[in-house]
Amino acid sequence: MPPFETIFPTLLQKCAELHEMLRTVAFMLFIVGTMLLVLHRMSEKTLILHLVRLVVLVSLLVMVPRWGNAIQILLQDSILSGLGVDPADIHTQFNRLLKVKHDAATDHSWWEILADVNGFTVELLVSGVLWLLGQFASLLLFWAYIFQKVILYLGYALSPLLIGFMAIPALRSIGNRYLMNLFAVLLWPLGWAVAALVTQGILDYMTDPALKFFDPTASAYTLQQLLGVAVIGFWIVFSTVAAPVIIQQVFTQGSLAGGQ
């Protein structure tokens, strides 16, 4: 799949231009916030705290896009790539688990050989279905990443205005919620990684050969694998959509509680 920067070069350019234009607005808001404190006859301690806050806000104003991109790359490399949870590769993971669990059973009885003959066709069919699910999951996750990138770049473009709000006490909660929501969008890959670990657990269940010892026809084992395929298909679609929503809700509720 082509990278986001190649697909939407104009969007990136316009977001960068909007970010530059809104920086002036942010500095004006910093001045307004300082003037409001002076009019209210602020104490020396309040002045020092306000100056420290301005230093932090200026750093955020300049560095939010850079820090956001760095966090996204870190999450991609350390969590998704580091854990090896590529959804397009679930059929390979399934076949690897089958090999490991077949090799673990060193002694094969006549009944086990009969079950293996009946189960081999099912395992081959399931592997093919998992390959199709993996391609669908990869496409779904690709568009989820595109959606995430669009939200992030629009957030970076508007960040000067919303960071400027944080210099004014009456508008500070708006800026705080903005930062929390932007950080939550950055953490979407964490939710997808957790969902992929659940997928690993389902694959473990599908490849568990324990039922073969009780059913030499492998009918129960076949049902186990078909049930696992159905669950994985539902889980991939559900988790790709639900994981970002859950993370977003957690951070949104937390920011609302903190602002009250």
C-alpha atoms as a PDB file:
ATOM      1  CA  MET A   1       0.000   0.000   0.000  1.00  0.00           C
ATOM      2  CA  PRO A   2       1.349   3.502  -0.829  1.00  0.00           C
ATOM      3  CA  PRO A   3       2.156   5.788   2.127  1.00  0.00           C
ATOM      4  CA  PHE A   4      -0.271   8.498   3.198  1.00  0.00           C
ATOM      5  CA  GLU A   5       2.133  11.265   2.178  1.00  0.00           C
ATOM      6  CA  THR A   6       2.109   9.984  -1.413  1.00  0.00           C
ATOM      7  CA  ILE A   7      -1.684   9.706  -1.599  1.00  0.00           C
ATOM      8  CA  PHE A   8      -2.532  13.130  -0.104  1.00  0.00           C
ATOM      9  CA  PRO A   9       0.394  15.516  -0.762  1.00  0.00           C
ATOM     10  CA  THR A  10      -1.908  18.533  -1.197  1.00  0.00           C
ATOM     11  CA  LEU A  11      -3.613  17.922   2.158  1.00  0.00           C
ATOM     12  CA  LEU A  12      -0.250  17.910   3.951  1.00  0.00           C
ATOM     13  CA  GLN A  13       0.770  21.155   2.262  1.00  0.00           C
ATOM     14  CA  LYS A  14      -2.494  22.921   3.130  1.00  0.00           C
ATOM     15  CA  CYS A  15      -2.355  21.691   6.747  1.00  0.00           C
ATOM     16  CA  ALA A  16       1.189  23.050   7.067  1.00  0.00           C
ATOM     17  CA  GLU A  17       0.094  26.418   5.638  1.00  0.00           C
ATOM     18  CA  LEU A  18      -2.857  26.609   8.047  1.00  0.00           C
ATOM     19  CA  HIS A  19      -0.575  25.747  10.961  1.00  0.00           C
ATOM     20  CA  GLU A  20       1.798  28.577  10.040  1.00  0.00           C
ATOM     21  CA  MET A  21      -1.069  31.059   9.657  1.00  0.00           C
ATOM     22  CA  LEU A  22      -2.621  30.177  13.034  1.00  0.00           C
ATOM     23  CA  ARG A  23       0.666  30.617  14.899  1.00  0.00           C
ATOM     24  CA  THR A  24       0.090  34.385  14.834  1.00  0.00           C
ATOM     25  CA  VAL A  25      -3.347  33.843  16.375  1.00  0.00           C
ATOM     26  CA  ALA A  26      -1.789  31.694  19.095  1.00  0.00           C
ATOM     27  CA  PHE A  27       0.714  34.378  20.085  1.00  0.00           C
ATOM     28  CA  MET A  28      -2.099  36.940  20.173  1.00  0.00           C
ATOM     29  CA  LEU A  29      -4.006  34.652  22.547  1.00  0.00           C
ATOM     30  CA  PHE A  30      -0.878  34.360  24.719  1.00  0.00           C
ATOM     31  CA  ILE A  31      -0.776  38.173  24.950  1.00  0.00           C
ATOM     32  CA  VAL A  32      -4.505  38.371  25.736  1.00  0.00           C
ATOM     33  CA  GLY A  33      -4.118  35.779  28.504  1.00  0.00           C
ATOM     34  CA  THR A  34      -1.232  37.738  30.031  1.00  0.00           C
ATOM     35  CA  MET A  35      -3.181  41.013  29.868  1.00  0.00           C
ATOM     36  CA  LEU A  36      -6.157  39.415  31.620  1.00  0.00           C
ATOM     37  CA  LEU A  37      -3.915  38.278  34.467  1.00  0.00           C
ATOM     38  CA  VAL A  38      -2.399  41.759  34.784  1.00  0.00           C
ATOM     39  CA  LEU A  39      -5.844  43.353  34.912  1.00  0.00           C
ATOM     40  CA  HIS A  40      -6.786  41.001  37.738  1.00  0.00           C
ATOM     41  CA  ARG A  41      -3.696  42.105  39.707  1.00  0.00           C
ATOM     42  CA  MET A  42      -1.993  38.774  39.741  1.00  0.00           C
ATOM     43  CA  SER A  43       0.463  37.838  42.481  1.00  0.00           C
ATOM     44  CA  GLU A  44       4.150  37.135  41.929  1.00  0.00           C
ATOM     45  CA  LYS A  45       3.557  33.381  42.233  1.00  0.00           C
ATOM     46  CA  THR A  46       0.746  33.516  39.664  1.00  0.00           C
ATOM     47  CA  LEU A  47       2.998  35.462  37.277  1.00  0.00           C
ATOM     48  CA  ILE A  48       5.765  32.864  37.555  1.00  0.00           C
ATOM     49  CA  LEU A  49       3.314  30.022  36.945  1.00  0.00           C
ATOM     50  CA  HIS A  50       1.887  31.859  33.947  1.00  0.00           C
ATOM     51  CA  LEU A  51       5.355  32.391  32.446  1.00  0.00           C
ATOM     52  CA  VAL A  52       6.194  28.714  32.919  1.00  0.00           C
ATOM     53  CA  ARG A  53       2.913  27.806  31.261  1.00  0.00           C
ATOM     54  CA  LEU A  54       3.715  30.077  28.327  1.00  0.00           C
ATOM     55  CA  VAL A  55       7.094  28.384  27.854  1.00  0.00           C
ATOM     56  CA  VAL A  56       5.393  24.983  27.793  1.00  0.00           C
ATOM     57  CA  LEU A  57       2.702  26.231  25.394  1.00  0.00           C
ATOM     58  CA  VAL A  58       5.267  27.703  23.002  1.00  0.00           C
ATOM     59  CA  SER A  59       7.099  24.364  22.995  1.00  0.00           C
ATOM     60  CA  LEU A  60       3.838  22.575  22.209  1.00  0.00           C
ATOM     61  CA  LEU A  61       3.035  25.121  19.531  1.00  0.00           C
ATOM     62  CA  VAL A  62       6.248  24.354  17.682  1.00  0.00           C
ATOM     63  CA  MET A  63       6.749  20.669  18.448  1.00  0.00           C
ATOM     64  CA  VAL A  64       3.290  19.031  18.493  1.00  0.00           C
ATOM     65  CA  PRO A  65       3.424  17.825  14.836  1.00  0.00           C
ATOM     66  CA  ARG A  66       6.993  16.550  15.220  1.00  0.00           C
ATOM     67  CA  TRP A  67       6.310  14.827  18.538  1.00  0.00           C
ATOM     68  CA  GLY A  68       3.083  13.346  17.197  1.00  0.00           C
ATOM     69  CA  ASN A  69       4.825  11.834  14.162  1.00  0.00           C
ATOM     70  CA  ALA A  70       7.609  10.472  16.393  1.00  0.00           C
ATOM     71  CA  ILE A  71       5.078   8.805  18.723  1.00  0.00           C
ATOM     72  CA  GLN A  72       3.254   7.284  15.762  1.00  0.00           C
ATOM     73  CA  ILE A  73       6.464   5.821  14.327  1.00  0.00           C
ATOM     74  CA  LEU A  74       7.438   4.502  17.769  1.00  0.00           C
ATOM     75  CA  LEU A  75       4.071   2.784  18.203  1.00  0.00           C
ATOM     76  CA  GLN A  76       4.287   1.282  14.731  1.00  0.00           C
ATOM     77  CA  ASP A  77       7.826  -0.063  15.210  1.00  0.00           C
ATOM     78  CA  SER A  78       7.717  -1.137  18.854  1.00  0.00           C
ATOM     79  CA  ILE A  79       4.151  -2.490  19.129  1.00  0.00           C
ATOM     80  CA  LEU A  80       2.758  -3.613  15.791  1.00  0.00           C
ATOM     81  CA  SER A  81       6.014  -4.607  14.086  1.00  0.00           C
ATOM     82  CA  GLY A  82       7.682  -5.639  17.346  1.00  0.00           C
ATOM     83  CA  LEU A  83       4.868  -8.008  18.317  1.00  0.00           C
ATOM     84  CA  GLY A  84       4.558  -9.385  14.791  1.00  0.00           C
ATOM     85  CA  VAL A  85       0.796  -8.902  14.668  1.00  0.00           C
ATOM     86  CA  ASP A  86       0.350  -8.195  10.966  1.00  0.00           C
ATOM     87  CA  PRO A  87      -3.314  -9.089  10.219  1.00  0.00           C
ATOM     88  CA  ALA A  88      -2.432 -10.012   6.640  1.00  0.00           C
ATOM     89  CA  ASP A  89      -0.264 -12.833   7.981  1.00  0.00           C
ATOM     90  CA  ILE A  90      -2.820 -14.709  10.097  1.00  0.00           C
ATOM     91  CA  HIS A  91      -2.874 -17.730   7.762  1.00  0.00           C
ATOM     92  CA  THR A  92       0.921 -18.064   8.156  1.00  0.00           C
ATOM     93  CA  GLN A  93       0.560 -17.842  11.936  1.00  0.00           C
ATOM     94  CA  PHE A  94      -2.171 -20.498  11.772  1.00  0.00           C
ATOM     95  CA  ASN A  95       0.024 -22.856   9.733  1.00  0.00           C
ATOM     96  CA  ARG A  96       2.980 -22.250  12.070  1.00  0.00           C
ATOM     97  CA  LEU A  97       0.888 -23.129  15.116  1.00  0.00           C
ATOM     98  CA  LEU A  98      -0.386 -26.280  13.388  1.00  0.00           C
ATOM     99  CA  LYS A  99       3.176 -27.389  12.665  1.00  0.00           C
ATOM    100  CA  VAL A 100       4.313 -26.730  16.245  1.00  0.00           C
ATOM    101  CA  LYS A 101       1.410 -28.650  17.774  1.00  0.00           C
ATOM    102  CA  HIS A 102       1.678 -31.519  15.304  1.00  0.00           C
ATOM    103  CA  ASP A 103       5.389 -31.840  15.988  1.00  0.00           C
ATOM    104  CA  ALA A 104       4.737 -31.793  19.720  1.00  0.00           C
ATOM    105  CA  ALA A 105       2.806 -35.047  19.423  1.00  0.00           C
ATOM    106  CA  THR A 106       5.691 -37.427  18.775  1.00  0.00           C
ATOM    107  CA  ASP A 107       3.702 -40.654  19.207  1.00  0.00           C
ATOM    108  CA  HIS A 108       0.836 -41.125  16.771  1.00  0.00           C
ATOM    109  CA  SER A 109      -1.741 -43.843  17.312  1.00  0.00           C
ATOM    110  CA  TRP A 110      -3.836 -45.364  14.537  1.00  0.00           C
ATOM    111  CA  TRP A 111      -6.847 -43.253  15.611  1.00  0.00           C
ATOM    112  CA  GLU A 112      -4.752 -40.078  15.521  1.00  0.00           C
ATOM    113  CA  ILE A 113      -3.568 -40.867  11.985  1.00  0.00           C
ATOM    114  CA  LEU A 114      -7.192 -41.364  10.910  1.00  0.00           C
ATOM    115  CA  ALA A 115      -8.158 -38.038  12.502  1.00  0.00           C
ATOM    116  CA  ASP A 116      -5.230 -36.316  10.774  1.00  0.00           C
ATOM    117  CA  VAL A 117      -6.386 -37.570   7.368  1.00  0.00           C
ATOM    118  CA  ASN A 118      -9.885 -36.195   7.929  1.00  0.00           C
ATOM    119  CA  GLY A 119      -8.633 -32.972   9.495  1.00  0.00           C
ATOM    120  CA  PHE A 120      -5.995 -32.170   6.885  1.00  0.00           C
ATOM    121  CA  THR A 121      -8.542 -31.088   4.285  1.00  0.00           C
ATOM    122  CA  VAL A 122     -10.318 -28.882   6.815  1.00  0.00           C
ATOM    123  CA  GLU A 123      -7.028 -27.306   7.904  1.00  0.00           C
ATOM    124  CA  LEU A 124      -6.137 -26.580   4.279  1.00  0.00           C
ATOM    125  CA  LEU A 125      -9.547 -25.012   3.669  1.00  0.00           C
ATOM    126  CA  VAL A 126      -9.339 -22.979   6.881  1.00  0.00           C
ATOM    127  CA  SER A 127      -5.865 -21.741   5.928  1.00  0.00           C
ATOM    128  CA  GLY A 128      -7.243 -20.496   2.604  1.00  0.00           C
ATOM    129  CA  VAL A 129     -10.165 -18.740   4.307  1.00  0.00           C
ATOM    130  CA  LEU A 130      -7.750 -17.151   6.793  1.00  0.00           C
ATOM    131  CA  TRP A 131      -5.648 -15.900   3.876  1.00  0.00           C
ATOM    132  CA  LEU A 132      -8.714 -14.160   2.440  1.00  0.00           C
ATOM    133  CA  LEU A 133      -9.591 -12.747   5.875  1.00  0.00           C
ATOM    134  CA  GLY A 134      -6.017 -11.546   6.254  1.00  0.00           C
ATOM    135  CA  GLN A 135      -6.162  -9.648   2.956  1.00  0.00           C
ATOM    136  CA  PHE A 136      -9.474  -8.096   3.960  1.00  0.00           C
ATOM    137  CA  ALA A 137      -8.089  -7.197   7.414  1.00  0.00           C
ATOM    138  CA  SER A 138      -5.004  -5.631   5.846  1.00  0.00           C
ATOM    139  CA  LEU A 139      -7.176  -3.483   3.555  1.00  0.00           C
ATOM    140  CA  LEU A 140      -9.464  -2.513   6.451  1.00  0.00           C
ATOM    141  CA  LEU A 141      -6.519  -1.576   8.641  1.00  0.00           C
ATOM    142  CA  PHE A 142      -4.945   0.415   5.816  1.00  0.00           C
ATOM    143  CA  TRP A 143      -8.030   2.618   5.505  1.00  0.00           C
ATOM    144  CA  ALA A 144      -8.231   2.913   9.291  1.00  0.00           C
ATOM    145  CA  TYR A 145      -4.673   4.272   9.247  1.00  0.00           C
ATOM    146  CA  ILE A 146      -5.631   6.702   6.475  1.00  0.00           C
ATOM    147  CA  PHE A 147      -8.535   7.937   8.585  1.00  0.00           C
ATOM    148  CA  GLN A 148      -6.225   8.273  11.601  1.00  0.00           C
ATOM    149  CA  LYS A 149      -3.668  10.261   9.575  1.00  0.00           C
ATOM    150  CA  VAL A 150      -6.346  12.654   8.272  1.00  0.00           C
ATOM    151  CA  ILE A 151      -7.541  13.348  11.830  1.00  0.00           C
ATOM    152  CA  LEU A 152      -3.976  13.850  13.082  1.00  0.00           C
ATOM    153  CA  TYR A 153      -2.917  16.244  10.332  1.00  0.00           C
ATOM    154  CA  LEU A 154      -6.094  18.285  10.690  1.00  0.00           C
ATOM    155  CA  GLY A 155      -5.435  18.331  14.440  1.00  0.00           C
ATOM    156  CA  TYR A 156      -1.865  19.507  13.870  1.00  0.00           C
ATOM    157  CA  ALA A 157      -3.120  22.238  11.534  1.00  0.00           C
ATOM    158  CA  LEU A 158      -5.563  23.578  14.142  1.00  0.00           C
ATOM    159  CA  SER A 159      -3.204  23.070  17.083  1.00  0.00           C
ATOM    160  CA  PRO A 160      -1.942  26.686  17.306  1.00  0.00           C
ATOM    161  CA  LEU A 161      -5.473  28.004  17.863  1.00  0.00           C
ATOM    162  CA  LEU A 162      -6.375  25.393  20.466  1.00  0.00           C
ATOM    163  CA  ILE A 163      -3.030  25.634  22.253  1.00  0.00           C
ATOM    164  CA  GLY A 164      -3.534  29.397  22.348  1.00  0.00           C
ATOM    165  CA  PHE A 165      -6.821  28.804  24.188  1.00  0.00           C
ATOM    166  CA  MET A 166      -4.808  27.209  26.999  1.00  0.00           C
ATOM    167  CA  ALA A 167      -3.282  30.607  27.837  1.00  0.00           C
ATOM    168  CA  ILE A 168      -6.738  31.989  28.730  1.00  0.00           C
ATOM    169  CA  PRO A 169      -8.274  30.520  31.931  1.00  0.00           C
ATOM    170  CA  ALA A 170     -11.845  30.556  30.609  1.00  0.00           C
ATOM    171  CA  LEU A 171     -10.839  28.613  27.469  1.00  0.00           C
ATOM    172  CA  ARG A 172      -8.199  26.340  28.993  1.00  0.00           C
ATOM    173  CA  SER A 173     -10.476  23.294  29.241  1.00  0.00           C
ATOM    174  CA  ILE A 174     -11.037  23.389  25.447  1.00  0.00           C
ATOM    175  CA  GLY A 175      -7.301  23.178  24.828  1.00  0.00           C
ATOM    176  CA  ASN A 176      -6.893  20.402  27.396  1.00  0.00           C
ATOM    177  CA  ARG A 177      -9.597  18.303  25.746  1.00  0.00           C
ATOM    178  CA  TYR A 178      -7.978  18.903  22.368  1.00  0.00           C
ATOM    179  CA  LEU A 179      -4.612  17.561  23.555  1.00  0.00           C
ATOM    180  CA  MET A 180      -6.204  14.528  25.223  1.00  0.00           C
ATOM    181  CA  ASN A 181      -8.219  13.661  22.113  1.00  0.00           C
ATOM    182  CA  LEU A 182      -5.197  14.125  19.845  1.00  0.00           C
ATOM    183  CA  PHE A 183      -3.140  11.849  22.089  1.00  0.00           C
ATOM    184  CA  ALA A 184      -5.961   9.282  22.045  1.00  0.00           C
ATOM    185  CA  VAL A 185      -5.917   9.244  18.228  1.00  0.00           C
ATOM    186  CA  LEU A 186      -2.167   8.612  18.360  1.00  0.00           C
ATOM    187  CA  LEU A 187      -2.820   5.568  20.561  1.00  0.00           C
ATOM    188  CA  TRP A 188      -5.194   3.857  18.124  1.00  0.00           C
ATOM    189  CA  PRO A 189      -2.443   1.373  17.091  1.00  0.00           C
ATOM    190  CA  LEU A 190      -2.207   0.282  20.733  1.00  0.00           C
ATOM    191  CA  GLY A 191      -5.863  -0.784  20.590  1.00  0.00           C
ATOM    192  CA  TRP A 192      -5.265  -2.657  17.331  1.00  0.00           C
ATOM    193  CA  ALA A 193      -2.253  -4.418  18.854  1.00  0.00           C
ATOM    194  CA  VAL A 194      -4.329  -5.578  21.844  1.00  0.00           C
ATOM    195  CA  ALA A 195      -7.027  -6.809  19.437  1.00  0.00           C
ATOM    196  CA  ALA A 196      -4.367  -8.712  17.464  1.00  0.00           C
ATOM    197  CA  LEU A 197      -3.261 -10.466  20.656  1.00  0.00           C
ATOM    198  CA  VAL A 198      -6.851 -11.673  21.089  1.00  0.00           C
ATOM    199  CA  THR A 199      -6.661 -12.965  17.507  1.00  0.00           C
ATOM    200  CA  GLN A 200      -3.558 -14.933  18.518  1.00  0.00           C
ATOM    201  CA  GLY A 201      -5.553 -16.506  21.336  1.00  0.00           C
ATOM    202  CA  ILE A 202      -8.310 -17.540  18.901  1.00  0.00           C
ATOM    203  CA  LEU A 203      -5.696 -19.117  16.613  1.00  0.00           C
ATOM    204  CA  ASP A 204      -4.338 -21.063  19.586  1.00  0.00           C
ATOM    205  CA  TYR A 205      -7.843 -22.368  20.260  1.00  0.00           C
ATOM    206  CA  MET A 206      -8.359 -23.335  16.611  1.00  0.00           C
ATOM    207  CA  THR A 207      -5.148 -25.361  16.483  1.00  0.00           C
ATOM    208  CA  ASP A 208      -5.625 -27.169  19.791  1.00  0.00           C
ATOM    209  CA  PRO A 209      -5.697 -30.903  18.854  1.00  0.00           C
ATOM    210  CA  ALA A 210      -7.133 -32.106  22.176  1.00  0.00           C
ATOM    211  CA  LEU A 211     -10.517 -32.996  20.650  1.00  0.00           C
ATOM    212  CA  LYS A 212      -8.851 -35.476  18.298  1.00  0.00           C
ATOM    213  CA  PHE A 213      -8.149 -37.784  21.233  1.00  0.00           C
ATOM    214  CA  PHE A 214     -11.882 -38.133  21.907  1.00  0.00           C
ATOM    215  CA  ASP A 215     -13.240 -38.029  18.347  1.00  0.00           C
ATOM    216  CA  PRO A 216     -11.318 -40.121  15.780  1.00  0.00           C
ATOM    217  CA  THR A 217     -13.511 -38.793  12.951  1.00  0.00           C
ATOM    218  CA  ALA A 218     -12.269 -35.246  13.689  1.00  0.00           C
ATOM    219  CA  SER A 219     -15.818 -33.882  13.438  1.00  0.00           C
ATOM    220  CA  ALA A 220     -15.528 -31.915  16.673  1.00  0.00           C
ATOM    221  CA  TYR A 221     -12.093 -30.638  15.603  1.00  0.00           C
ATOM    222  CA  THR A 222     -13.602 -29.515  12.297  1.00  0.00           C
ATOM    223  CA  LEU A 223     -16.391 -27.689  14.120  1.00  0.00           C
ATOM    224  CA  GLN A 224     -13.791 -26.085  16.401  1.00  0.00           C
ATOM    225  CA  GLN A 225     -11.851 -24.719  13.429  1.00  0.00           C
ATOM    226  CA  LEU A 226     -14.929 -23.466  11.583  1.00  0.00           C
ATOM    227  CA  LEU A 227     -16.144 -21.742  14.734  1.00  0.00           C
ATOM    228  CA  GLY A 228     -12.717 -20.148  15.135  1.00  0.00           C
ATOM    229  CA  VAL A 229     -12.783 -18.824  11.554  1.00  0.00           C
ATOM    230  CA  ALA A 230     -16.214 -17.264  12.132  1.00  0.00           C
ATOM    231  CA  VAL A 231     -15.067 -15.661  15.382  1.00  0.00           C
ATOM    232  CA  ILE A 232     -11.874 -14.296  13.798  1.00  0.00           C
ATOM    233  CA  GLY A 233     -13.817 -12.819  10.874  1.00  0.00           C
ATOM    234  CA  PHE A 234     -16.191 -11.028  13.235  1.00  0.00           C
ATOM    235  CA  TRP A 235     -13.400  -9.996  15.612  1.00  0.00           C
ATOM    236  CA  ILE A 236     -11.226  -8.442  12.884  1.00  0.00           C
ATOM    237  CA  VAL A 237     -14.031  -6.181  11.652  1.00  0.00           C
ATOM    238  CA  PHE A 238     -15.282  -5.351  15.143  1.00  0.00           C
ATOM    239  CA  SER A 239     -11.875  -4.646  16.713  1.00  0.00           C
ATOM    240  CA  THR A 240     -10.633  -2.482  13.831  1.00  0.00           C
ATOM    241  CA  VAL A 241     -13.595  -0.155  14.369  1.00  0.00           C
ATOM    242  CA  ALA A 242     -14.160  -0.563  18.110  1.00  0.00           C
ATOM    243  CA  ALA A 243     -10.576  -0.293  19.418  1.00  0.00           C
ATOM    244  CA  PRO A 244     -10.145   3.396  18.385  1.00  0.00           C
ATOM    245  CA  VAL A 245     -13.625   4.243  19.687  1.00  0.00           C
ATOM    246  CA  ILE A 246     -12.893   2.673  23.090  1.00  0.00           C
ATOM    247  CA  ILE A 247      -9.556   4.479  23.431  1.00  0.00           C
ATOM    248  CA  GLN A 248     -11.164   7.742  22.360  1.00  0.00           C
ATOM    249  CA  GLN A 249     -13.949   7.339  24.907  1.00  0.00           C
ATOM    250  CA  VAL A 250     -11.500   6.585  27.720  1.00  0.00           C
ATOM    251  CA  PHE A 251      -9.468   9.717  27.060  1.00  0.00           C
ATOM    252  CA  THR A 252     -12.518  11.884  26.373  1.00  0.00           C
ATOM    253  CA  GLN A 253     -14.183  10.873  29.615  1.00  0.00           C
ATOM    254  CA  GLY A 254     -10.910  11.385  31.461  1.00  0.00           C
ATOM    255  CA  SER A 255     -10.437  14.882  30.062  1.00  0.00           C
ATOM    256  CA  LEU A 256     -14.037  15.804  30.875  1.00  0.00           C
ATOM    257  CA  ALA A 257     -13.629  14.560  34.443  1.00  0.00           C
ATOM    258  CA  GLY A 258     -10.391  16.463  34.798  1.00  0.00           C
ATOM    259  CA  GLY A 259     -11.995  19.660  33.576  1.00  0.00           C
ATOM    260  CA  GLN A 260     -14.873  19.522  36.016  1.00  0.00           C
END
